[in-house]
Amino acid sequence: MINKILKEKKLTAKQLSEMTGINYFTIQKYSCGARKPTVRNAKKIGKALEIDWWVLFS
């Protein structure tokens, strides 16, 4: 899900990491589906990407 949104918004995982303060490698794990974000991190990502944070869990 995150990967798709990043592509739509023409952002990289590194840029998202810088925007949210979440470690780059953690963002990568979320992007490839190896891990689900915590609610706290999902809210940070949602705010940075201007999306509803709960969509990251669907």
N, C-alpha and C. Protein backbone atom coordinates (compact mmCIF):
# COMPACT_ATOMS: atom_id res chain seq x y z
N MET A 1 0.82 -1.19 0.00
CA MET A 1 0.00 0.00 0.00
C MET A 1 0.87 1.26 0.00
N ILE A 2 1.86 1.32 0.88
CA ILE A 2 2.71 2.51 0.96
C ILE A 2 3.45 2.72 -0.35
N ASN A 3 3.96 1.64 -0.91
CA ASN A 3 4.69 1.75 -2.18
C ASN A 3 3.84 2.41 -3.27
N LYS A 4 2.61 1.97 -3.37
CA LYS A 4 1.69 2.51 -4.38
C LYS A 4 1.46 4.01 -4.16
N ILE A 5 1.24 4.39 -2.92
CA ILE A 5 0.99 5.79 -2.60
C ILE A 5 2.23 6.64 -2.87
N LEU A 6 3.40 6.10 -2.52
CA LEU A 6 4.64 6.83 -2.78
C LEU A 6 4.81 7.08 -4.28
N LYS A 7 4.52 6.07 -5.09
CA LYS A 7 4.63 6.23 -6.54
C LYS A 7 3.66 7.28 -7.06
N GLU A 8 2.42 7.23 -6.56
CA GLU A 8 1.41 8.21 -6.99
C GLU A 8 1.82 9.63 -6.64
N LYS A 9 2.46 9.80 -5.48
CA LYS A 9 2.84 11.12 -5.02
C LYS A 9 4.27 11.50 -5.43
N LYS A 10 4.91 10.59 -6.18
CA LYS A 10 6.27 10.80 -6.68
C LYS A 10 7.25 11.10 -5.54
N LEU A 11 7.18 10.25 -4.52
CA LEU A 11 8.07 10.36 -3.37
C LEU A 11 8.86 9.07 -3.22
N THR A 12 9.97 9.14 -2.54
CA THR A 12 10.77 7.96 -2.25
C THR A 12 10.61 7.58 -0.78
N ALA A 13 11.02 6.37 -0.46
CA ALA A 13 10.98 5.92 0.93
C ALA A 13 11.89 6.80 1.78
N LYS A 14 12.99 7.23 1.23
CA LYS A 14 13.92 8.11 1.96
C LYS A 14 13.24 9.44 2.28
N GLN A 15 12.53 10.00 1.32
CA GLN A 15 11.83 11.26 1.55
C GLN A 15 10.75 11.09 2.62
N LEU A 16 10.02 9.97 2.57
CA LEU A 16 9.00 9.71 3.57
C LEU A 16 9.64 9.57 4.95
N SER A 17 10.78 8.92 4.99
CA SER A 17 11.51 8.78 6.25
C SER A 17 11.87 10.15 6.83
N GLU A 18 12.35 11.03 5.98
CA GLU A 18 12.72 12.37 6.43
C GLU A 18 11.50 13.17 6.87
N MET A 19 10.38 12.97 6.19
CA MET A 19 9.14 13.70 6.51
C MET A 19 8.54 13.26 7.84
N THR A 20 8.72 11.98 8.17
CA THR A 20 8.06 11.41 9.34
C THR A 20 8.98 11.22 10.54
N GLY A 21 10.28 11.15 10.28
CA GLY A 21 11.22 10.84 11.36
C GLY A 21 11.30 9.34 11.64
N ILE A 22 10.67 8.54 10.80
CA ILE A 22 10.73 7.08 10.94
C ILE A 22 11.95 6.58 10.18
N ASN A 23 12.66 5.65 10.79
CA ASN A 23 13.87 5.09 10.19
C ASN A 23 13.61 4.62 8.76
N TYR A 24 14.54 4.90 7.87
CA TYR A 24 14.43 4.54 6.45
C TYR A 24 14.20 3.04 6.26
N PHE A 25 14.92 2.21 7.00
CA PHE A 25 14.80 0.77 6.83
C PHE A 25 13.44 0.27 7.31
N THR A 26 12.89 0.93 8.30
CA THR A 26 11.55 0.60 8.77
C THR A 26 10.52 0.94 7.70
N ILE A 27 10.67 2.10 7.07
CA ILE A 27 9.79 2.49 5.97
C ILE A 27 9.86 1.45 4.85
N GLN A 28 11.06 1.01 4.53
CA GLN A 28 11.23 0.00 3.48
C GLN A 28 10.49 -1.29 3.83
N LYS A 29 10.57 -1.71 5.09
CA LYS A 29 9.87 -2.93 5.51
C LYS A 29 8.36 -2.76 5.40
N TYR A 30 7.87 -1.57 5.75
CA TYR A 30 6.44 -1.29 5.59
C TYR A 30 6.07 -1.33 4.10
N SER A 31 6.92 -0.75 3.26
CA SER A 31 6.64 -0.65 1.83
C SER A 31 6.55 -2.01 1.16
N CYS A 32 7.42 -2.92 1.55
CA CYS A 32 7.42 -4.24 0.90
C CYS A 32 6.49 -5.23 1.59
N GLY A 33 5.86 -4.80 2.68
CA GLY A 33 4.90 -5.66 3.36
C GLY A 33 5.51 -6.61 4.37
N ALA A 34 6.80 -6.46 4.66
CA ALA A 34 7.45 -7.33 5.63
C ALA A 34 6.99 -7.03 7.05
N ARG A 35 6.53 -5.80 7.29
CA ARG A 35 6.03 -5.39 8.60
C ARG A 35 4.82 -4.49 8.42
N LYS A 36 3.96 -4.50 9.42
CA LYS A 36 2.84 -3.55 9.47
C LYS A 36 3.27 -2.41 10.38
N PRO A 37 2.91 -1.19 10.06
CA PRO A 37 3.29 -0.07 10.92
C PRO A 37 2.51 -0.09 12.23
N THR A 38 3.12 0.48 13.25
CA THR A 38 2.39 0.69 14.50
C THR A 38 1.36 1.78 14.23
N VAL A 39 0.38 1.89 15.10
CA VAL A 39 -0.63 2.94 14.94
C VAL A 39 0.05 4.31 14.96
N ARG A 40 0.99 4.48 15.85
CA ARG A 40 1.71 5.76 15.96
C ARG A 40 2.40 6.11 14.64
N ASN A 41 3.13 5.14 14.07
CA ASN A 41 3.82 5.39 12.80
C ASN A 41 2.84 5.53 11.65
N ALA A 42 1.75 4.78 11.68
CA ALA A 42 0.74 4.90 10.63
C ALA A 42 0.16 6.32 10.62
N LYS A 43 -0.04 6.88 11.80
CA LYS A 43 -0.56 8.25 11.88
C LYS A 43 0.44 9.25 11.31
N LYS A 44 1.73 9.04 11.59
CA LYS A 44 2.77 9.92 11.04
C LYS A 44 2.81 9.83 9.52
N ILE A 45 2.75 8.60 9.02
CA ILE A 45 2.79 8.38 7.57
C ILE A 45 1.54 8.97 6.91
N GLY A 46 0.40 8.73 7.52
CA GLY A 46 -0.85 9.27 6.99
C GLY A 46 -0.82 10.79 6.90
N LYS A 47 -0.31 11.43 7.93
CA LYS A 47 -0.21 12.89 7.93
C LYS A 47 0.74 13.36 6.84
N ALA A 48 1.89 12.70 6.71
CA ALA A 48 2.88 13.10 5.71
C ALA A 48 2.37 12.90 4.29
N LEU A 49 1.62 11.82 4.07
CA LEU A 49 1.13 11.50 2.73
C LEU A 49 -0.26 12.08 2.46
N GLU A 50 -0.83 12.72 3.47
CA GLU A 50 -2.18 13.30 3.36
C GLU A 50 -3.22 12.25 3.01
N ILE A 51 -3.18 11.15 3.77
CA ILE A 51 -4.15 10.07 3.61
C ILE A 51 -4.69 9.70 5.00
N ASP A 52 -5.78 8.97 5.03
CA ASP A 52 -6.29 8.44 6.29
C ASP A 52 -5.36 7.32 6.73
N TRP A 53 -4.85 7.40 7.94
CA TRP A 53 -3.84 6.46 8.40
C TRP A 53 -4.31 5.02 8.44
N TRP A 54 -5.60 4.79 8.66
CA TRP A 54 -6.09 3.42 8.79
C TRP A 54 -6.08 2.65 7.47
N VAL A 55 -5.96 3.34 6.35
CA VAL A 55 -5.89 2.60 5.07
C VAL A 55 -4.62 1.77 4.97
N LEU A 56 -3.63 2.10 5.78
CA LEU A 56 -2.37 1.35 5.75
C LEU A 56 -2.53 -0.06 6.31
N PHE A 57 -3.65 -0.32 6.96
CA PHE A 57 -3.90 -1.64 7.54
C PHE A 57 -4.83 -2.50 6.68
N SER A 58 -5.25 -1.98 5.54
CA SER A 58 -6.16 -2.75 4.68
C SER A 58 -5.42 -3.54 3.64
